[in-house]
Amino acid sequence: MVDAHAHLEDPRLTDDLDAVIARAHAAGVIAIVTAGGDLESSARAVRLAETYPAVYAAVGYHPHEASRFQPGGLDQLRAWCAHPKVVAVGEIGLDFYYDRSPREVQRRVLEAHLGLASEVGLPVVVHCREAGAALLEVLRAWSAPTPFPGPSPEQGGEAAALPSGAGPARRGMIHCFSGDADLACRFLAVGMDISLAGPVTFTNARELQEVARAVPLDALLVETDSPYLAPHPHRGQRNEPALVAVTARRVAELRGMDFPALAQATSANAARLFGLPLPVP
């Protein structure tokens, strides 16, 4: 399995991280993508990726930290994106539930990160809470076909749209997806995969369980969001990557699949999305 999103740099995990990684390996986790939320945590994520062979990093500003973003920070993120163990720009996105940064600031910072991802050819790891419509608007604009340079209107011509698959890569995942199946389909339409975390195992999570059944298998990932959102029956405890197996087993059950098939498919999806050198088809 691949834990497609965690926060190994969080202080709640760093004190016994060697043991956390060992338990993950024992549970069958072959890779973990750990995501920063500002420059400091992104730097820690990169260091962890350098330290542990199975750990990869995403770098960026979480929407909670958008007010702290400075344009110069994009230069540092750009430099990290050249690192062979940095596989995504993230965690980025919009959070209209807590509103810890002004909404327009969140949007500007998100757009800056999306531009960086296009520039460096990396996928994005996207946070969305109570902001589905606004996030879809931004992602639609970002994922729209890029026009070919062509004759200007003054020359009597119009730029033609790139054919499917051409132009810069614009792809990513909505991490810890928390919406309904309709919203999931809308995100799929703009090139996002859907990543499910511990809440899909909660007994009252009927909408998420429908999402687990509805999302095409080739667009589905699983994650822990460690140290947050431990799955049932560990709810309320510190989460860690080994518990991605609990979430994956529940998703397999909801889809009527064998657990090994679900684990293999979601690992292959993560390997494809992040460019991970994993022994999966």
C-alpha atoms as a PDB file:
ATOM      1  CA  MET A   1       0.000   0.000   0.000  1.00  0.00           C
ATOM      2  CA  VAL A   2       0.884   3.663  -0.377  1.00  0.00           C
ATOM      3  CA  ASP A   3      -0.126   6.213   2.230  1.00  0.00           C
ATOM      4  CA  ALA A   4      -0.837   9.007  -0.234  1.00  0.00           C
ATOM      5  CA  HIS A   5      -0.888  11.792   2.366  1.00  0.00           C
ATOM      6  CA  ALA A   6       0.583  12.122   5.852  1.00  0.00           C
ATOM      7  CA  HIS A   7       2.307  14.685   8.038  1.00  0.00           C
ATOM      8  CA  LEU A   8       5.324  12.831   9.363  1.00  0.00           C
ATOM      9  CA  GLU A   9       6.941  16.179  10.142  1.00  0.00           C
ATOM     10  CA  ASP A  10       4.252  16.862  12.758  1.00  0.00           C
ATOM     11  CA  PRO A  11       5.686  16.982  16.317  1.00  0.00           C
ATOM     12  CA  ARG A  12       3.182  14.333  17.398  1.00  0.00           C
ATOM     13  CA  LEU A  13       5.022  11.812  15.234  1.00  0.00           C
ATOM     14  CA  THR A  14       8.634  12.920  15.288  1.00  0.00           C
ATOM     15  CA  ASP A  15       9.518  11.645  18.774  1.00  0.00           C
ATOM     16  CA  ASP A  16       9.186   7.983  17.736  1.00  0.00           C
ATOM     17  CA  LEU A  17       9.328   8.272  13.972  1.00  0.00           C
ATOM     18  CA  ASP A  18      11.675   5.303  13.500  1.00  0.00           C
ATOM     19  CA  ALA A  19       9.082   3.097  15.212  1.00  0.00           C
ATOM     20  CA  VAL A  20       6.259   4.698  13.211  1.00  0.00           C
ATOM     21  CA  ILE A  21       8.060   3.913   9.943  1.00  0.00           C
ATOM     22  CA  ALA A  22       8.833   0.362  11.102  1.00  0.00           C
ATOM     23  CA  ARG A  23       5.166  -0.276  11.939  1.00  0.00           C
ATOM     24  CA  ALA A  24       4.181   1.075   8.539  1.00  0.00           C
ATOM     25  CA  HIS A  25       6.545  -1.329   6.786  1.00  0.00           C
ATOM     26  CA  ALA A  26       5.237  -4.212   8.906  1.00  0.00           C
ATOM     27  CA  ALA A  27       1.688  -3.321   7.836  1.00  0.00           C
ATOM     28  CA  GLY A  28       2.654  -3.468   4.153  1.00  0.00           C
ATOM     29  CA  VAL A  29       3.143   0.256   3.469  1.00  0.00           C
ATOM     30  CA  ILE A  30       5.757   0.643   0.749  1.00  0.00           C
ATOM     31  CA  ALA A  31       5.670   4.444   0.380  1.00  0.00           C
ATOM     32  CA  ILE A  32       4.440   7.507   2.270  1.00  0.00           C
ATOM     33  CA  VAL A  33       3.962  11.001   0.852  1.00  0.00           C
ATOM     34  CA  THR A  34       4.467  13.540   3.637  1.00  0.00           C
ATOM     35  CA  ALA A  35       3.194  17.059   2.979  1.00  0.00           C
ATOM     36  CA  GLY A  36       4.389  20.410   4.270  1.00  0.00           C
ATOM     37  CA  GLY A  37       2.119  23.342   5.035  1.00  0.00           C
ATOM     38  CA  ASP A  38       4.592  26.237   5.012  1.00  0.00           C
ATOM     39  CA  LEU A  39       8.318  26.721   4.426  1.00  0.00           C
ATOM     40  CA  GLU A  40       9.352  25.307   7.801  1.00  0.00           C
ATOM     41  CA  SER A  41       7.279  22.140   7.634  1.00  0.00           C
ATOM     42  CA  SER A  42       8.108  21.689   3.947  1.00  0.00           C
ATOM     43  CA  ALA A  43      11.816  21.798   4.830  1.00  0.00           C
ATOM     44  CA  ARG A  44      11.212  19.101   7.460  1.00  0.00           C
ATOM     45  CA  ALA A  45       9.300  17.012   4.922  1.00  0.00           C
ATOM     46  CA  VAL A  46      12.208  17.179   2.478  1.00  0.00           C
ATOM     47  CA  ARG A  47      14.674  16.166   5.205  1.00  0.00           C
ATOM     48  CA  LEU A  48      12.507  13.178   6.133  1.00  0.00           C
ATOM     49  CA  ALA A  49      12.333  12.140   2.488  1.00  0.00           C
ATOM     50  CA  GLU A  50      16.129  12.270   2.379  1.00  0.00           C
ATOM     51  CA  THR A  51      16.364  10.177   5.561  1.00  0.00           C
ATOM     52  CA  TYR A  52      13.845   7.397   4.881  1.00  0.00           C
ATOM     53  CA  PRO A  53      13.875   5.566   1.521  1.00  0.00           C
ATOM     54  CA  ALA A  54      10.103   4.952   1.584  1.00  0.00           C
ATOM     55  CA  VAL A  55       9.198   8.594   2.309  1.00  0.00           C
ATOM     56  CA  TYR A  56       8.539  11.208  -0.373  1.00  0.00           C
ATOM     57  CA  ALA A  57       7.702  14.886   0.106  1.00  0.00           C
ATOM     58  CA  ALA A  58       5.186  17.461  -1.067  1.00  0.00           C
ATOM     59  CA  VAL A  59       5.981  21.132  -0.487  1.00  0.00           C
ATOM     60  CA  GLY A  60       3.723  24.169  -0.278  1.00  0.00           C
ATOM     61  CA  TYR A  61       1.547  26.462   1.812  1.00  0.00           C
ATOM     62  CA  HIS A  62      -1.629  25.138   3.419  1.00  0.00           C
ATOM     63  CA  PRO A  63      -4.576  27.570   3.107  1.00  0.00           C
ATOM     64  CA  HIS A  64      -4.393  28.157   6.868  1.00  0.00           C
ATOM     65  CA  GLU A  65      -0.902  29.589   6.287  1.00  0.00           C
ATOM     66  CA  ALA A  66      -1.741  31.605   3.167  1.00  0.00           C
ATOM     67  CA  SER A  67      -1.477  34.928   5.028  1.00  0.00           C
ATOM     68  CA  ARG A  68       2.181  34.130   5.775  1.00  0.00           C
ATOM     69  CA  PHE A  69       3.042  33.453   2.142  1.00  0.00           C
ATOM     70  CA  GLN A  70       5.562  35.786   0.543  1.00  0.00           C
ATOM     71  CA  PRO A  71       6.388  35.770  -3.188  1.00  0.00           C
ATOM     72  CA  GLY A  72       9.995  34.934  -2.330  1.00  0.00           C
ATOM     73  CA  GLY A  73       8.768  31.720  -0.773  1.00  0.00           C
ATOM     74  CA  LEU A  74       7.856  30.475  -4.233  1.00  0.00           C
ATOM     75  CA  ASP A  75      11.549  30.533  -5.149  1.00  0.00           C
ATOM     76  CA  GLN A  76      12.366  28.170  -2.292  1.00  0.00           C
ATOM     77  CA  LEU A  77       9.487  25.875  -3.219  1.00  0.00           C
ATOM     78  CA  ARG A  78      10.687  25.896  -6.829  1.00  0.00           C
ATOM     79  CA  ALA A  79      14.166  24.858  -5.705  1.00  0.00           C
ATOM     80  CA  TRP A  80      12.777  21.976  -3.640  1.00  0.00           C
ATOM     81  CA  CYS A  81      10.682  20.823  -6.589  1.00  0.00           C
ATOM     82  CA  ALA A  82      13.926  19.896  -8.362  1.00  0.00           C
ATOM     83  CA  HIS A  83      14.748  17.430  -5.554  1.00  0.00           C
ATOM     84  CA  PRO A  84      14.311  13.795  -6.667  1.00  0.00           C
ATOM     85  CA  LYS A  85      12.293  12.921  -3.543  1.00  0.00           C
ATOM     86  CA  VAL A  86       9.861  15.857  -3.914  1.00  0.00           C
ATOM     87  CA  VAL A  87       6.887  14.474  -5.838  1.00  0.00           C
ATOM     88  CA  ALA A  88       4.145  17.110  -5.520  1.00  0.00           C
ATOM     89  CA  VAL A  89       3.218  20.691  -4.720  1.00  0.00           C
ATOM     90  CA  GLY A  90       1.110  20.662  -1.576  1.00  0.00           C
ATOM     91  CA  GLU A  91      -0.628  20.757   0.720  1.00  0.00           C
ATOM     92  CA  ILE A  92      -2.443  23.624  -0.966  1.00  0.00           C
ATOM     93  CA  GLY A  93      -6.096  24.525  -1.412  1.00  0.00           C
ATOM     94  CA  LEU A  94      -9.014  26.394   0.122  1.00  0.00           C
ATOM     95  CA  ASP A  95     -10.526  26.165   3.612  1.00  0.00           C
ATOM     96  CA  PHE A  96     -13.696  28.209   4.111  1.00  0.00           C
ATOM     97  CA  TYR A  97     -14.599  26.361   7.329  1.00  0.00           C
ATOM     98  CA  TYR A  98     -11.929  27.842   9.592  1.00  0.00           C
ATOM     99  CA  ASP A  99     -11.097  30.898   7.428  1.00  0.00           C
ATOM    100  CA  ARG A 100      -7.720  31.263   9.134  1.00  0.00           C
ATOM    101  CA  SER A 101      -6.569  33.276   6.134  1.00  0.00           C
ATOM    102  CA  PRO A 102      -8.809  35.653   4.148  1.00  0.00           C
ATOM    103  CA  ARG A 103     -10.538  33.823   1.311  1.00  0.00           C
ATOM    104  CA  GLU A 104      -9.141  36.022  -1.444  1.00  0.00           C
ATOM    105  CA  VAL A 105      -5.624  35.545  -0.033  1.00  0.00           C
ATOM    106  CA  GLN A 106      -6.161  31.778   0.006  1.00  0.00           C
ATOM    107  CA  ARG A 107      -7.209  31.912  -3.627  1.00  0.00           C
ATOM    108  CA  ARG A 108      -4.239  34.013  -4.745  1.00  0.00           C
ATOM    109  CA  VAL A 109      -1.797  31.710  -2.960  1.00  0.00           C
ATOM    110  CA  LEU A 110      -3.482  28.636  -4.430  1.00  0.00           C
ATOM    111  CA  GLU A 111      -3.224  30.094  -7.939  1.00  0.00           C
ATOM    112  CA  ALA A 112       0.474  30.840  -7.393  1.00  0.00           C
ATOM    113  CA  HIS A 113       1.085  27.228  -6.365  1.00  0.00           C
ATOM    114  CA  LEU A 114      -0.878  25.866  -9.315  1.00  0.00           C
ATOM    115  CA  GLY A 115       1.249  27.973 -11.622  1.00  0.00           C
ATOM    116  CA  LEU A 116       4.368  26.555  -9.990  1.00  0.00           C
ATOM    117  CA  ALA A 117       3.086  22.994 -10.409  1.00  0.00           C
ATOM    118  CA  SER A 118       2.529  23.587 -14.122  1.00  0.00           C
ATOM    119  CA  GLU A 119       5.976  25.115 -14.435  1.00  0.00           C
ATOM    120  CA  VAL A 120       7.811  22.229 -12.760  1.00  0.00           C
ATOM    121  CA  GLY A 121       5.548  19.441 -14.028  1.00  0.00           C
ATOM    122  CA  LEU A 122       4.487  18.088 -10.642  1.00  0.00           C
ATOM    123  CA  PRO A 123       1.010  17.095  -9.450  1.00  0.00           C
ATOM    124  CA  VAL A 124      -0.792  18.987  -6.694  1.00  0.00           C
ATOM    125  CA  VAL A 125      -2.111  17.777  -3.342  1.00  0.00           C
ATOM    126  CA  VAL A 126      -5.241  19.794  -2.612  1.00  0.00           C
ATOM    127  CA  HIS A 127      -7.099  20.542   0.619  1.00  0.00           C
ATOM    128  CA  CYS A 128     -10.796  21.426   0.383  1.00  0.00           C
ATOM    129  CA  ARG A 129     -13.113  22.181   3.279  1.00  0.00           C
ATOM    130  CA  GLU A 130     -16.466  23.890   2.730  1.00  0.00           C
ATOM    131  CA  ALA A 131     -15.005  25.404  -0.452  1.00  0.00           C
ATOM    132  CA  GLY A 132     -15.980  23.004  -3.231  1.00  0.00           C
ATOM    133  CA  ALA A 133     -17.543  25.507  -5.637  1.00  0.00           C
ATOM    134  CA  ALA A 134     -14.705  28.029  -5.312  1.00  0.00           C
ATOM    135  CA  LEU A 135     -12.043  25.362  -5.643  1.00  0.00           C
ATOM    136  CA  LEU A 136     -13.693  23.898  -8.728  1.00  0.00           C
ATOM    137  CA  GLU A 137     -13.711  27.339 -10.338  1.00  0.00           C
ATOM    138  CA  VAL A 138      -9.964  27.719  -9.773  1.00  0.00           C
ATOM    139  CA  LEU A 139      -9.149  24.191 -10.900  1.00  0.00           C
ATOM    140  CA  ARG A 140     -11.283  24.484 -14.052  1.00  0.00           C
ATOM    141  CA  ALA A 141      -9.346  27.579 -15.078  1.00  0.00           C
ATOM    142  CA  TRP A 142      -6.038  25.866 -14.314  1.00  0.00           C
ATOM    143  CA  SER A 143      -6.842  22.633 -16.130  1.00  0.00           C
ATOM    144  CA  ALA A 144      -8.320  24.270 -19.228  1.00  0.00           C
ATOM    145  CA  PRO A 145      -6.500  23.422 -22.499  1.00  0.00           C
ATOM    146  CA  THR A 146      -3.597  25.713 -23.281  1.00  0.00           C
ATOM    147  CA  PRO A 147      -3.897  27.384 -26.713  1.00  0.00           C
ATOM    148  CA  PHE A 148      -1.221  26.883 -29.331  1.00  0.00           C
ATOM    149  CA  PRO A 149       0.636  30.066 -30.216  1.00  0.00           C
ATOM    150  CA  GLY A 150      -0.802  31.020 -33.577  1.00  0.00           C
ATOM    151  CA  PRO A 151      -1.792  33.926 -35.779  1.00  0.00           C
ATOM    152  CA  SER A 152      -3.067  36.852 -33.777  1.00  0.00           C
ATOM    153  CA  PRO A 153      -6.608  38.164 -34.305  1.00  0.00           C
ATOM    154  CA  GLU A 154      -5.043  41.131 -36.087  1.00  0.00           C
ATOM    155  CA  GLN A 155      -3.601  38.633 -38.583  1.00  0.00           C
ATOM    156  CA  GLY A 156      -6.998  37.095 -39.117  1.00  0.00           C
ATOM    157  CA  GLY A 157      -6.388  33.926 -37.089  1.00  0.00           C
ATOM    158  CA  GLU A 158      -7.266  32.388 -33.766  1.00  0.00           C
ATOM    159  CA  ALA A 159      -5.226  30.202 -31.450  1.00  0.00           C
ATOM    160  CA  ALA A 160      -6.282  26.557 -31.553  1.00  0.00           C
ATOM    161  CA  ALA A 161      -6.744  24.430 -28.443  1.00  0.00           C
ATOM    162  CA  LEU A 162      -4.151  21.782 -27.698  1.00  0.00           C
ATOM    163  CA  PRO A 163      -5.302  18.242 -28.356  1.00  0.00           C
ATOM    164  CA  SER A 164      -6.059  16.018 -25.382  1.00  0.00           C
ATOM    165  CA  GLY A 165      -2.917  15.076 -23.489  1.00  0.00           C
ATOM    166  CA  ALA A 166      -0.808  17.947 -24.843  1.00  0.00           C
ATOM    167  CA  GLY A 167       0.630  20.837 -22.908  1.00  0.00           C
ATOM    168  CA  PRO A 168       1.875  20.976 -19.318  1.00  0.00           C
ATOM    169  CA  ALA A 169       0.744  18.271 -16.913  1.00  0.00           C
ATOM    170  CA  ARG A 170      -2.125  19.468 -14.738  1.00  0.00           C
ATOM    171  CA  ARG A 171      -3.136  16.759 -12.364  1.00  0.00           C
ATOM    172  CA  GLY A 172      -3.420  16.062  -8.670  1.00  0.00           C
ATOM    173  CA  MET A 173      -5.562  14.685  -5.896  1.00  0.00           C
ATOM    174  CA  ILE A 174      -8.126  15.992  -3.467  1.00  0.00           C
ATOM    175  CA  HIS A 175      -6.756  14.710  -0.208  1.00  0.00           C
ATOM    176  CA  CYS A 176      -8.975  13.488   2.645  1.00  0.00           C
ATOM    177  CA  PHE A 177     -12.023  14.013   0.443  1.00  0.00           C
ATOM    178  CA  SER A 178     -15.046  15.040   2.526  1.00  0.00           C
ATOM    179  CA  GLY A 179     -17.805  15.797   0.003  1.00  0.00           C
ATOM    180  CA  ASP A 180     -20.471  13.746  -1.731  1.00  0.00           C
ATOM    181  CA  ALA A 181     -20.357  11.652  -4.905  1.00  0.00           C
ATOM    182  CA  ASP A 182     -21.520  14.548  -7.099  1.00  0.00           C
ATOM    183  CA  LEU A 183     -18.663  16.766  -5.913  1.00  0.00           C
ATOM    184  CA  ALA A 184     -16.217  13.898  -6.391  1.00  0.00           C
ATOM    185  CA  CYS A 185     -17.349  13.552 -10.011  1.00  0.00           C
ATOM    186  CA  ARG A 186     -16.840  17.271 -10.572  1.00  0.00           C
ATOM    187  CA  PHE A 187     -13.283  17.057  -9.258  1.00  0.00           C
ATOM    188  CA  LEU A 188     -12.605  14.015 -11.429  1.00  0.00           C
ATOM    189  CA  ALA A 189     -13.696  16.069 -14.438  1.00  0.00           C
ATOM    190  CA  VAL A 190     -10.920  18.618 -13.810  1.00  0.00           C
ATOM    191  CA  GLY A 191      -8.175  16.001 -13.503  1.00  0.00           C
ATOM    192  CA  MET A 192      -8.180  15.315  -9.785  1.00  0.00           C
ATOM    193  CA  ASP A 193      -7.959  11.888  -8.202  1.00  0.00           C
ATOM    194  CA  ILE A 194      -9.896  11.278  -4.979  1.00  0.00           C
ATOM    195  CA  SER A 195      -8.069  10.224  -1.812  1.00  0.00           C
ATOM    196  CA  LEU A 196     -10.017   8.744   1.085  1.00  0.00           C
ATOM    197  CA  ALA A 197      -8.883   8.819   4.705  1.00  0.00           C
ATOM    198  CA  GLY A 198     -10.064   7.538   8.080  1.00  0.00           C
ATOM    199  CA  PRO A 199     -13.500   9.228   8.065  1.00  0.00           C
ATOM    200  CA  VAL A 200     -14.736   6.773   5.407  1.00  0.00           C
ATOM    201  CA  THR A 201     -14.605   4.106   8.142  1.00  0.00           C
ATOM    202  CA  PHE A 202     -16.871   6.012  10.550  1.00  0.00           C
ATOM    203  CA  THR A 203     -20.271   4.390  10.982  1.00  0.00           C
ATOM    204  CA  ASN A 204     -22.223   7.561  10.136  1.00  0.00           C
ATOM    205  CA  ALA A 205     -20.155   8.482   7.037  1.00  0.00           C
ATOM    206  CA  ARG A 206     -22.805   7.435   4.514  1.00  0.00           C
ATOM    207  CA  GLU A 207     -21.935  10.042   1.874  1.00  0.00           C
ATOM    208  CA  LEU A 208     -18.231   9.157   1.974  1.00  0.00           C
ATOM    209  CA  GLN A 209     -19.047   5.480   1.760  1.00  0.00           C
ATOM    210  CA  GLU A 210     -21.045   6.174  -1.383  1.00  0.00           C
ATOM    211  CA  VAL A 211     -18.029   8.059  -2.751  1.00  0.00           C
ATOM    212  CA  ALA A 212     -15.880   4.994  -2.048  1.00  0.00           C
ATOM    213  CA  ARG A 213     -18.241   2.927  -4.178  1.00  0.00           C
ATOM    214  CA  ALA A 214     -18.669   5.491  -6.965  1.00  0.00           C
ATOM    215  CA  VAL A 215     -15.160   6.737  -7.767  1.00  0.00           C
ATOM    216  CA  PRO A 216     -13.536   4.834 -10.652  1.00  0.00           C
ATOM    217  CA  LEU A 217     -10.877   2.489  -9.340  1.00  0.00           C
ATOM    218  CA  ASP A 218      -8.173   4.094 -11.482  1.00  0.00           C
ATOM    219  CA  ALA A 219      -8.766   7.477  -9.778  1.00  0.00           C
ATOM    220  CA  LEU A 220      -8.867   6.287  -6.161  1.00  0.00           C
ATOM    221  CA  LEU A 221      -6.185   6.636  -3.482  1.00  0.00           C
ATOM    222  CA  VAL A 222      -6.041   5.990   0.253  1.00  0.00           C
ATOM    223  CA  GLU A 223      -4.256   7.965   2.954  1.00  0.00           C
ATOM    224  CA  THR A 224      -4.033   8.531   6.687  1.00  0.00           C
ATOM    225  CA  ASP A 225      -3.531  12.312   7.017  1.00  0.00           C
ATOM    226  CA  SER A 226      -1.450  11.274  10.038  1.00  0.00           C
ATOM    227  CA  PRO A 227      -1.466  12.214  12.867  1.00  0.00           C
ATOM    228  CA  TYR A 228      -5.095  13.261  12.307  1.00  0.00           C
ATOM    229  CA  LEU A 229      -8.338  11.348  11.676  1.00  0.00           C
ATOM    230  CA  ALA A 230      -7.471   7.824  12.788  1.00  0.00           C
ATOM    231  CA  PRO A 231      -9.899   5.268  11.331  1.00  0.00           C
ATOM    232  CA  HIS A 232     -12.443   3.299  13.323  1.00  0.00           C
ATOM    233  CA  PRO A 233     -11.835   1.548  15.746  1.00  0.00           C
ATOM    234  CA  HIS A 234      -8.852   3.828  16.505  1.00  0.00           C
ATOM    235  CA  ARG A 235     -10.866   7.049  16.269  1.00  0.00           C
ATOM    236  CA  GLY A 236      -9.583   9.698  18.677  1.00  0.00           C
ATOM    237  CA  GLN A 237      -6.100   8.182  18.869  1.00  0.00           C
ATOM    238  CA  ARG A 238      -2.967   9.406  17.146  1.00  0.00           C
ATOM    239  CA  ASN A 239      -3.053   8.277  13.546  1.00  0.00           C
ATOM    240  CA  GLU A 240      -0.015   6.875  11.739  1.00  0.00           C
ATOM    241  CA  PRO A 241       0.744   5.382   8.297  1.00  0.00           C
ATOM    242  CA  ALA A 242       0.341   1.746   9.392  1.00  0.00           C
ATOM    243  CA  LEU A 243      -3.371   2.425   9.846  1.00  0.00           C
ATOM    244  CA  VAL A 244      -3.847   3.123   6.138  1.00  0.00           C
ATOM    245  CA  ALA A 245      -4.471  -0.613   5.945  1.00  0.00           C
ATOM    246  CA  VAL A 246      -7.589  -0.192   8.097  1.00  0.00           C
ATOM    247  CA  THR A 247      -8.985   2.441   5.751  1.00  0.00           C
ATOM    248  CA  ALA A 248      -8.062   0.425   2.665  1.00  0.00           C
ATOM    249  CA  ARG A 249      -9.787  -2.688   4.011  1.00  0.00           C
ATOM    250  CA  ARG A 250     -12.979  -0.732   4.617  1.00  0.00           C
ATOM    251  CA  VAL A 251     -12.873   0.779   1.129  1.00  0.00           C
ATOM    252  CA  ALA A 252     -12.358  -2.698  -0.345  1.00  0.00           C
ATOM    253  CA  GLU A 253     -15.335  -3.961   1.635  1.00  0.00           C
ATOM    254  CA  LEU A 254     -17.518  -1.092   0.431  1.00  0.00           C
ATOM    255  CA  ARG A 255     -16.564  -1.794  -3.177  1.00  0.00           C
ATOM    256  CA  GLY A 256     -17.033  -5.554  -2.854  1.00  0.00           C
ATOM    257  CA  MET A 257     -13.353  -6.146  -3.672  1.00  0.00           C
ATOM    258  CA  ASP A 258     -10.615  -8.297  -2.230  1.00  0.00           C
ATOM    259  CA  PHE A 259      -8.316  -6.225  -0.061  1.00  0.00           C
ATOM    260  CA  PRO A 260      -5.122  -7.181  -2.005  1.00  0.00           C
ATOM    261  CA  ALA A 261      -6.705  -6.010  -5.257  1.00  0.00           C
ATOM    262  CA  LEU A 262      -7.728  -2.683  -3.725  1.00  0.00           C
ATOM    263  CA  ALA A 263      -4.278  -2.214  -2.189  1.00  0.00           C
ATOM    264  CA  GLN A 264      -2.559  -2.976  -5.484  1.00  0.00           C
ATOM    265  CA  ALA A 265      -4.817  -0.662  -7.481  1.00  0.00           C
ATOM    266  CA  THR A 266      -4.504   2.330  -5.158  1.00  0.00           C
ATOM    267  CA  SER A 267      -0.730   1.828  -4.949  1.00  0.00           C
ATOM    268  CA  ALA A 268      -0.500   1.780  -8.738  1.00  0.00           C
ATOM    269  CA  ASN A 269      -2.561   4.983  -8.874  1.00  0.00           C
ATOM    270  CA  ALA A 270      -0.256   6.688  -6.381  1.00  0.00           C
ATOM    271  CA  ALA A 271       2.823   5.507  -8.254  1.00  0.00           C
ATOM    272  CA  ARG A 272       1.426   6.920 -11.484  1.00  0.00           C
ATOM    273  CA  LEU A 273       0.304  10.230  -9.977  1.00  0.00           C
ATOM    274  CA  PHE A 274       3.498  10.938  -8.034  1.00  0.00           C
ATOM    275  CA  GLY A 275       5.987   9.169 -10.268  1.00  0.00           C
ATOM    276  CA  LEU A 276       7.010   6.789  -7.490  1.00  0.00           C
ATOM    277  CA  PRO A 277       9.516   4.048  -8.424  1.00  0.00           C
ATOM    278  CA  LEU A 278       7.388   1.255  -6.952  1.00  0.00           C
ATOM    279  CA  PRO A 279       7.156  -2.435  -7.940  1.00  0.00           C
ATOM    280  CA  VAL A 280       3.483  -2.206  -8.930  1.00  0.00           C
ATOM    281  CA  PRO A 281       1.837  -2.486 -12.375  1.00  0.00           C
END
